[in-house]
Every structure is written in structure tokens, then in C-alpha cells.
Amino acid sequence: MKFSSVEIQGGRGKLLKNTLFSVEDGGKGLALLFPGAGYTCDMPALYYPRNILLSQKYDVLSLEYSFQTVGEVFNTDLVAEVLLDGEKTLESIQAREYPEIFLVGKSLGTRVLTHLLNKYEQLNRTKAVYLTPVFSKEFNAATAGLKQEILMAIGTEDPFYNLDMIQELQSQLDFKLLVLEGADHGLEVKKDCLRSLEIMKAVCEEIQKFITE
């Protein structure tokens, strides 16, 4: 395993903090991890999927957004900047000519995924994993027209778990859905570590299956 970084000039003109994990025998592609607003790529819901991707011979780029890099707290006024960070990230890695791109986003990161999948034709055959997606009318409207293969995972105790919104999107978009009983927005069960580990195992198994299909 090799560790390096990529020069990515974010939406406000500052370099984004990131780590590129490279498999030693040559990866079959690159996975980009887009975290949540108050969540890092080293926390469980992204740390373990990253390890699954590495085991499947993907290089993995974990990053922070501009507001995280400078230590700010997220607010909705920063959404456009976060989406631009996503664009800058994708454009910065294009020159590396990976044969395949794989996308993973958590919460706020799922909005980045939808934005990128809509904007860039080179991602038309990309697979994407949406962890704790932010189901809403705005999110559904933006995501409904996607043609890529998508896996979504959300817990029943997540504030964004809205059965009506999920069913609405399912009527417009063919995607795989993993619903995790009792899991919160961190894909964990409060005060139940062992159940939380079981949930993370289920998520990782589903991601591995999705990768290899």
C-alpha cells in the first residue's frame, strides 16, 4: 500500500486535504470518497467501505471539502462550493487515466455524486454507492434521471429515512436499496456496538457484491 496526495484546488482556491491510497500491484480503477458535512473518510461508514474497495484492487482517494480543510462548520450556503469541490476533484484526477471510476458518498457526499453523475458524460458507466442519502424533493428531482448503476443504503432511524420519498424515487429510478433496521445517520445503532458492527458488515458485504456484479 502506498500513500500520497493529489493537488486539488478546491472551490475557494485553496488546496483540498486528501489522501490517495494506492494498491501495490496496480489498481483496476479509482474510487472517490466524498464525506458528509460533519463526517470524515476515516469514520466507520467510509473507513470500512474504503477497505473493501482496496481489497477489490481499487486505488481510493479520500478527501475533505474546502470548508473542512479550513475548519469551518457546514451551512447550506456552502452547497454550491461543495459541488464545485467535487468537480475540481474529478478534473484533477482525469490526467491519471484510470480505466474505471467508482464513486462513494455519504450524506452531503451523495449530493456531490448526483451532481457529478449528471454533469460528466465520462461517468455514464460509473457505479456509485450512496450512503445515508439525503432523500428530499430536491434530491429526488436531481437524482431521478440518472442512468448509472447505483446502490443506496440508509437506516430506519436516520432523519433522512422517508418512506414516501424513497418510494417516489424508486418509481422514477432503478437502484438497489439496502434498508438497515435501527441504524442512524452514522449507520450505527445507539448504545449497541455489536449491532452497529453487524450493520457495517452488512453494508460492506453489499458493496462488495455491488462491485463484483
C-alpha atoms as a PDB file:
ATOM      1  CA  MET A   1       0.000   0.000   0.000  1.00  0.00           C
ATOM      2  CA  LYS A   2       1.288   3.435  -0.965  1.00  0.00           C
ATOM      3  CA  PHE A   3       0.075   6.763   0.417  1.00  0.00           C
ATOM      4  CA  SER A   4       0.269  10.064  -1.430  1.00  0.00           C
ATOM      5  CA  SER A   5      -1.886  13.071  -2.231  1.00  0.00           C
ATOM      6  CA  VAL A   6      -3.302  14.778  -5.302  1.00  0.00           C
ATOM      7  CA  GLU A   7      -3.095  18.510  -5.956  1.00  0.00           C
ATOM      8  CA  ILE A   8      -6.729  19.610  -5.981  1.00  0.00           C
ATOM      9  CA  GLN A   9      -7.532  23.308  -5.949  1.00  0.00           C
ATOM     10  CA  GLY A  10     -10.946  23.491  -4.322  1.00  0.00           C
ATOM     11  CA  GLY A  11     -13.892  25.758  -4.927  1.00  0.00           C
ATOM     12  CA  ARG A  12     -12.455  28.679  -2.941  1.00  0.00           C
ATOM     13  CA  GLY A  13      -8.988  28.422  -4.480  1.00  0.00           C
ATOM     14  CA  LYS A  14      -7.268  26.531  -1.669  1.00  0.00           C
ATOM     15  CA  LEU A  15      -5.766  23.060  -1.948  1.00  0.00           C
ATOM     16  CA  LEU A  16      -8.030  20.340  -0.583  1.00  0.00           C
ATOM     17  CA  LYS A  17      -6.635  17.952   2.004  1.00  0.00           C
ATOM     18  CA  ASN A  18      -6.709  14.409   0.635  1.00  0.00           C
ATOM     19  CA  THR A  19      -5.030  11.024   0.796  1.00  0.00           C
ATOM     20  CA  LEU A  20      -4.594   8.688  -2.165  1.00  0.00           C
ATOM     21  CA  PHE A  21      -4.363   5.037  -1.122  1.00  0.00           C
ATOM     22  CA  SER A  22      -2.708   3.072  -3.943  1.00  0.00           C
ATOM     23  CA  VAL A  23      -2.658  -0.711  -4.198  1.00  0.00           C
ATOM     24  CA  GLU A  24       0.819  -2.062  -4.834  1.00  0.00           C
ATOM     25  CA  ASP A  25       0.171  -4.277  -7.852  1.00  0.00           C
ATOM     26  CA  GLY A  26      -1.706  -1.737  -9.941  1.00  0.00           C
ATOM     27  CA  GLY A  27      -5.345  -0.855  -9.395  1.00  0.00           C
ATOM     28  CA  LYS A  28      -8.171  -1.652 -11.769  1.00  0.00           C
ATOM     29  CA  GLY A  29      -9.621   1.789 -11.146  1.00  0.00           C
ATOM     30  CA  LEU A  30     -10.008   4.689  -8.753  1.00  0.00           C
ATOM     31  CA  ALA A  31     -12.686   5.151  -6.105  1.00  0.00           C
ATOM     32  CA  LEU A  32     -13.500   8.674  -4.915  1.00  0.00           C
ATOM     33  CA  LEU A  33     -14.874   9.045  -1.374  1.00  0.00           C
ATOM     34  CA  PHE A  34     -16.975  12.144  -0.646  1.00  0.00           C
ATOM     35  CA  PRO A  35     -17.731  12.541   3.084  1.00  0.00           C
ATOM     36  CA  GLY A  36     -20.631  14.095   4.941  1.00  0.00           C
ATOM     37  CA  ALA A  37     -20.790  17.604   6.369  1.00  0.00           C
ATOM     38  CA  GLY A  38     -19.634  16.540   9.828  1.00  0.00           C
ATOM     39  CA  TYR A  39     -18.182  13.196   8.860  1.00  0.00           C
ATOM     40  CA  THR A  40     -14.705  12.225   7.691  1.00  0.00           C
ATOM     41  CA  CYS A  41     -13.462   9.432   5.465  1.00  0.00           C
ATOM     42  CA  ASP A  42     -11.763   7.857   8.493  1.00  0.00           C
ATOM     43  CA  MET A  43     -15.049   7.272  10.339  1.00  0.00           C
ATOM     44  CA  PRO A  44     -16.735   3.827  10.179  1.00  0.00           C
ATOM     45  CA  ALA A  45     -19.266   4.335   7.365  1.00  0.00           C
ATOM     46  CA  LEU A  46     -16.459   5.304   4.966  1.00  0.00           C
ATOM     47  CA  TYR A  47     -13.421   3.652   6.545  1.00  0.00           C
ATOM     48  CA  TYR A  48     -14.705   0.104   6.086  1.00  0.00           C
ATOM     49  CA  PRO A  49     -16.051   0.614   2.534  1.00  0.00           C
ATOM     50  CA  ARG A  50     -12.638   2.077   1.672  1.00  0.00           C
ATOM     51  CA  ASN A  51     -11.014  -1.141   2.846  1.00  0.00           C
ATOM     52  CA  ILE A  52     -13.444  -3.177   0.760  1.00  0.00           C
ATOM     53  CA  LEU A  53     -12.531  -1.125  -2.306  1.00  0.00           C
ATOM     54  CA  LEU A  54      -8.823  -1.568  -1.631  1.00  0.00           C
ATOM     55  CA  SER A  55      -9.332  -5.327  -1.293  1.00  0.00           C
ATOM     56  CA  GLN A  56     -11.008  -5.258  -4.714  1.00  0.00           C
ATOM     57  CA  LYS A  57      -7.880  -3.602  -6.206  1.00  0.00           C
ATOM     58  CA  TYR A  58      -9.150  -0.042  -6.442  1.00  0.00           C
ATOM     59  CA  ASP A  59      -6.980   2.906  -5.557  1.00  0.00           C
ATOM     60  CA  VAL A  60      -9.002   5.136  -3.218  1.00  0.00           C
ATOM     61  CA  LEU A  61      -8.950   8.917  -2.848  1.00  0.00           C
ATOM     62  CA  SER A  62     -10.282  10.199   0.486  1.00  0.00           C
ATOM     63  CA  LEU A  63     -10.727  13.939   0.768  1.00  0.00           C
ATOM     64  CA  GLU A  64     -12.072  16.901   2.670  1.00  0.00           C
ATOM     65  CA  TYR A  65     -14.161  19.761   1.268  1.00  0.00           C
ATOM     66  CA  SER A  66     -12.927  23.352   1.267  1.00  0.00           C
ATOM     67  CA  PHE A  67     -14.884  24.275   4.382  1.00  0.00           C
ATOM     68  CA  GLN A  68     -13.493  21.246   6.240  1.00  0.00           C
ATOM     69  CA  THR A  69      -9.947  21.996   5.119  1.00  0.00           C
ATOM     70  CA  VAL A  70     -10.143  25.458   6.709  1.00  0.00           C
ATOM     71  CA  GLY A  71     -12.029  24.259   9.804  1.00  0.00           C
ATOM     72  CA  GLU A  72     -15.432  25.822   9.122  1.00  0.00           C
ATOM     73  CA  VAL A  73     -18.837  24.416  10.098  1.00  0.00           C
ATOM     74  CA  PHE A  74     -21.129  23.485   7.218  1.00  0.00           C
ATOM     75  CA  ASN A  75     -24.188  25.535   6.362  1.00  0.00           C
ATOM     76  CA  THR A  76     -26.490  25.320   3.357  1.00  0.00           C
ATOM     77  CA  ASP A  77     -24.895  28.387   1.760  1.00  0.00           C
ATOM     78  CA  LEU A  78     -21.837  26.202   1.134  1.00  0.00           C
ATOM     79  CA  VAL A  79     -23.595  23.604  -1.056  1.00  0.00           C
ATOM     80  CA  ALA A  80     -22.543  25.204  -4.344  1.00  0.00           C
ATOM     81  CA  GLU A  81     -18.939  25.355  -3.133  1.00  0.00           C
ATOM     82  CA  VAL A  82     -19.045  21.681  -2.109  1.00  0.00           C
ATOM     83  CA  LEU A  83     -20.336  20.690  -5.549  1.00  0.00           C
ATOM     84  CA  LEU A  84     -17.530  22.688  -7.124  1.00  0.00           C
ATOM     85  CA  ASP A  85     -15.049  20.853  -4.879  1.00  0.00           C
ATOM     86  CA  GLY A  86     -16.424  17.652  -6.383  1.00  0.00           C
ATOM     87  CA  GLU A  87     -15.895  18.945  -9.911  1.00  0.00           C
ATOM     88  CA  LYS A  88     -12.353  20.055  -9.129  1.00  0.00           C
ATOM     89  CA  THR A  89     -11.592  16.645  -7.615  1.00  0.00           C
ATOM     90  CA  LEU A  90     -12.790  14.744 -10.668  1.00  0.00           C
ATOM     91  CA  GLU A  91     -10.982  17.068 -13.059  1.00  0.00           C
ATOM     92  CA  SER A  92      -7.750  16.789 -11.049  1.00  0.00           C
ATOM     93  CA  ILE A  93      -7.601  13.001 -11.360  1.00  0.00           C
ATOM     94  CA  GLN A  94      -8.566  12.744 -15.038  1.00  0.00           C
ATOM     95  CA  ALA A  95      -4.967  13.045 -16.215  1.00  0.00           C
ATOM     96  CA  ARG A  96      -4.090   9.860 -14.322  1.00  0.00           C
ATOM     97  CA  GLU A  97      -6.098   7.850 -16.881  1.00  0.00           C
ATOM     98  CA  TYR A  98      -7.660   5.275 -14.591  1.00  0.00           C
ATOM     99  CA  PRO A  99      -9.591   2.650 -16.573  1.00  0.00           C
ATOM    100  CA  GLU A 100     -12.561   2.901 -14.210  1.00  0.00           C
ATOM    101  CA  ILE A 101     -14.002   5.388 -11.712  1.00  0.00           C
ATOM    102  CA  PHE A 102     -16.109   4.291  -8.738  1.00  0.00           C
ATOM    103  CA  LEU A 103     -17.937   6.816  -6.537  1.00  0.00           C
ATOM    104  CA  VAL A 104     -18.911   6.632  -2.871  1.00  0.00           C
ATOM    105  CA  GLY A 105     -20.640   9.432  -0.988  1.00  0.00           C
ATOM    106  CA  LYS A 106     -22.118   9.809   2.460  1.00  0.00           C
ATOM    107  CA  SER A 107     -24.949  12.242   3.255  1.00  0.00           C
ATOM    108  CA  LEU A 108     -23.775  15.569   1.794  1.00  0.00           C
ATOM    109  CA  GLY A 109     -21.475  13.486  -0.381  1.00  0.00           C
ATOM    110  CA  THR A 110     -24.492  11.891  -2.073  1.00  0.00           C
ATOM    111  CA  ARG A 111     -25.459  15.310  -3.404  1.00  0.00           C
ATOM    112  CA  VAL A 112     -21.962  15.555  -4.878  1.00  0.00           C
ATOM    113  CA  LEU A 113     -22.400  12.149  -6.531  1.00  0.00           C
ATOM    114  CA  THR A 114     -25.677  13.142  -8.177  1.00  0.00           C
ATOM    115  CA  HIS A 115     -24.143  16.394  -9.399  1.00  0.00           C
ATOM    116  CA  LEU A 116     -21.119  14.664 -10.932  1.00  0.00           C
ATOM    117  CA  LEU A 117     -23.123  11.811 -12.482  1.00  0.00           C
ATOM    118  CA  ASN A 118     -25.428  14.333 -14.140  1.00  0.00           C
ATOM    119  CA  LYS A 119     -22.664  16.655 -15.350  1.00  0.00           C
ATOM    120  CA  TYR A 120     -19.922  14.401 -16.739  1.00  0.00           C
ATOM    121  CA  GLU A 121     -20.517  12.074 -19.686  1.00  0.00           C
ATOM    122  CA  GLN A 122     -17.347  10.120 -18.863  1.00  0.00           C
ATOM    123  CA  LEU A 123     -19.154   8.855 -15.749  1.00  0.00           C
ATOM    124  CA  ASN A 124     -22.019   7.300 -17.710  1.00  0.00           C
ATOM    125  CA  ARG A 125     -20.750   3.777 -16.941  1.00  0.00           C
ATOM    126  CA  THR A 126     -19.668   4.546 -13.391  1.00  0.00           C
ATOM    127  CA  LYS A 127     -21.044   2.697 -10.371  1.00  0.00           C
ATOM    128  CA  ALA A 128     -21.959   4.777  -7.322  1.00  0.00           C
ATOM    129  CA  VAL A 129     -22.698   3.984  -3.674  1.00  0.00           C
ATOM    130  CA  TYR A 130     -24.966   6.399  -1.804  1.00  0.00           C
ATOM    131  CA  LEU A 131     -24.595   6.008   1.968  1.00  0.00           C
ATOM    132  CA  THR A 132     -27.315   7.725   4.059  1.00  0.00           C
ATOM    133  CA  PRO A 133     -28.652   9.682   1.058  1.00  0.00           C
ATOM    134  CA  VAL A 134     -30.441  12.956   1.785  1.00  0.00           C
ATOM    135  CA  PHE A 135     -33.879  11.980   0.452  1.00  0.00           C
ATOM    136  CA  SER A 136     -35.940  15.091  -0.285  1.00  0.00           C
ATOM    137  CA  LYS A 137     -37.897  16.547  -3.186  1.00  0.00           C
ATOM    138  CA  GLU A 138     -34.811  18.447  -4.369  1.00  0.00           C
ATOM    139  CA  PHE A 139     -32.544  15.401  -4.089  1.00  0.00           C
ATOM    140  CA  ASN A 140     -35.069  13.131  -5.811  1.00  0.00           C
ATOM    141  CA  ALA A 141     -35.613  15.551  -8.687  1.00  0.00           C
ATOM    142  CA  ALA A 142     -31.866  15.786  -9.331  1.00  0.00           C
ATOM    143  CA  THR A 143     -31.252  12.041  -8.999  1.00  0.00           C
ATOM    144  CA  ALA A 144     -34.279  10.623 -10.828  1.00  0.00           C
ATOM    145  CA  GLY A 145     -32.788  10.910 -14.314  1.00  0.00           C
ATOM    146  CA  LEU A 146     -29.529   9.081 -13.658  1.00  0.00           C
ATOM    147  CA  LYS A 147     -28.634   6.083 -15.837  1.00  0.00           C
ATOM    148  CA  GLN A 148     -25.701   4.696 -13.831  1.00  0.00           C
ATOM    149  CA  GLU A 149     -25.771   1.656 -11.554  1.00  0.00           C
ATOM    150  CA  ILE A 150     -26.497   2.863  -8.035  1.00  0.00           C
ATOM    151  CA  LEU A 151     -26.601   1.281  -4.584  1.00  0.00           C
ATOM    152  CA  MET A 152     -28.184   3.217  -1.712  1.00  0.00           C
ATOM    153  CA  ALA A 153     -28.011   2.324   1.984  1.00  0.00           C
ATOM    154  CA  ILE A 154     -29.923   4.011   4.805  1.00  0.00           C
ATOM    155  CA  GLY A 155     -31.071   3.196   8.330  1.00  0.00           C
ATOM    156  CA  THR A 156     -34.619   3.379   9.627  1.00  0.00           C
ATOM    157  CA  GLU A 157     -33.539   5.762  12.422  1.00  0.00           C
ATOM    158  CA  ASP A 158     -31.871   8.170  10.016  1.00  0.00           C
ATOM    159  CA  PRO A 159     -33.703  11.547   9.904  1.00  0.00           C
ATOM    160  CA  PHE A 160     -33.478  11.347   6.099  1.00  0.00           C
ATOM    161  CA  TYR A 161     -35.279   7.986   6.045  1.00  0.00           C
ATOM    162  CA  ASN A 162     -38.577   8.952   4.478  1.00  0.00           C
ATOM    163  CA  LEU A 163     -40.509   6.050   3.018  1.00  0.00           C
ATOM    164  CA  ASP A 164     -42.650   8.276   0.802  1.00  0.00           C
ATOM    165  CA  MET A 165     -39.577   9.976  -0.652  1.00  0.00           C
ATOM    166  CA  ILE A 166     -37.830   6.628  -1.157  1.00  0.00           C
ATOM    167  CA  GLN A 167     -40.821   5.114  -2.935  1.00  0.00           C
ATOM    168  CA  GLU A 168     -41.187   8.215  -5.072  1.00  0.00           C
ATOM    169  CA  LEU A 169     -37.584   7.897  -6.234  1.00  0.00           C
ATOM    170  CA  GLN A 170     -37.968   4.143  -6.765  1.00  0.00           C
ATOM    171  CA  SER A 171     -40.846   4.866  -9.156  1.00  0.00           C
ATOM    172  CA  GLN A 172     -38.502   7.007 -11.263  1.00  0.00           C
ATOM    173  CA  LEU A 173     -35.080   5.377 -10.867  1.00  0.00           C
ATOM    174  CA  ASP A 174     -33.885   1.770 -10.900  1.00  0.00           C
ATOM    175  CA  PHE A 175     -31.467   1.461  -7.981  1.00  0.00           C
ATOM    176  CA  LYS A 176     -30.510  -1.098  -5.362  1.00  0.00           C
ATOM    177  CA  LEU A 177     -31.648  -0.225  -1.839  1.00  0.00           C
ATOM    178  CA  LEU A 178     -30.346  -1.560   1.465  1.00  0.00           C
ATOM    179  CA  VAL A 179     -32.516  -0.583   4.455  1.00  0.00           C
ATOM    180  CA  LEU A 180     -30.863  -1.168   7.821  1.00  0.00           C
ATOM    181  CA  GLU A 181     -33.225  -1.625  10.738  1.00  0.00           C
ATOM    182  CA  GLY A 182     -32.416   0.635  13.686  1.00  0.00           C
ATOM    183  CA  ALA A 183     -29.396   2.329  12.096  1.00  0.00           C
ATOM    184  CA  ASP A 184     -28.973   6.077  12.492  1.00  0.00           C
ATOM    185  CA  HIS A 185     -27.343   8.649  10.191  1.00  0.00           C
ATOM    186  CA  GLY A 186     -23.918   7.246  11.034  1.00  0.00           C
ATOM    187  CA  LEU A 187     -25.099   3.728  10.114  1.00  0.00           C
ATOM    188  CA  GLU A 188     -24.817   2.798  13.776  1.00  0.00           C
ATOM    189  CA  VAL A 189     -27.263   1.739  16.496  1.00  0.00           C
ATOM    190  CA  LYS A 190     -27.143   3.924  19.569  1.00  0.00           C
ATOM    191  CA  LYS A 191     -25.753   2.164  22.647  1.00  0.00           C
ATOM    192  CA  ASP A 192     -25.345  -1.123  20.759  1.00  0.00           C
ATOM    193  CA  CYS A 193     -21.802  -1.563  19.491  1.00  0.00           C
ATOM    194  CA  LEU A 194     -22.226  -5.185  18.407  1.00  0.00           C
ATOM    195  CA  ARG A 195     -25.341  -4.421  16.370  1.00  0.00           C
ATOM    196  CA  SER A 196     -23.512  -1.469  14.823  1.00  0.00           C
ATOM    197  CA  LEU A 197     -20.731  -3.813  13.728  1.00  0.00           C
ATOM    198  CA  GLU A 198     -23.283  -6.198  12.230  1.00  0.00           C
ATOM    199  CA  ILE A 199     -24.767  -3.320  10.247  1.00  0.00           C
ATOM    200  CA  MET A 200     -21.368  -2.255   8.966  1.00  0.00           C
ATOM    201  CA  LYS A 201     -20.659  -5.844   7.952  1.00  0.00           C
ATOM    202  CA  ALA A 202     -23.943  -5.938   6.020  1.00  0.00           C
ATOM    203  CA  VAL A 203     -23.101  -2.662   4.268  1.00  0.00           C
ATOM    204  CA  CYS A 204     -19.630  -3.878   3.304  1.00  0.00           C
ATOM    205  CA  GLU A 205     -20.958  -7.204   2.026  1.00  0.00           C
ATOM    206  CA  GLU A 206     -23.496  -5.388  -0.128  1.00  0.00           C
ATOM    207  CA  ILE A 207     -20.840  -3.028  -1.500  1.00  0.00           C
ATOM    208  CA  GLN A 208     -18.518  -5.916  -2.314  1.00  0.00           C
ATOM    209  CA  LYS A 209     -21.346  -7.698  -4.124  1.00  0.00           C
ATOM    210  CA  PHE A 210     -22.193  -4.490  -5.994  1.00  0.00           C
ATOM    211  CA  ILE A 211     -18.556  -4.059  -7.068  1.00  0.00           C
ATOM    212  CA  THR A 212     -18.242  -7.576  -8.443  1.00  0.00           C
ATOM    213  CA  GLU A 213     -21.601  -7.845 -10.213  1.00  0.00           C
END
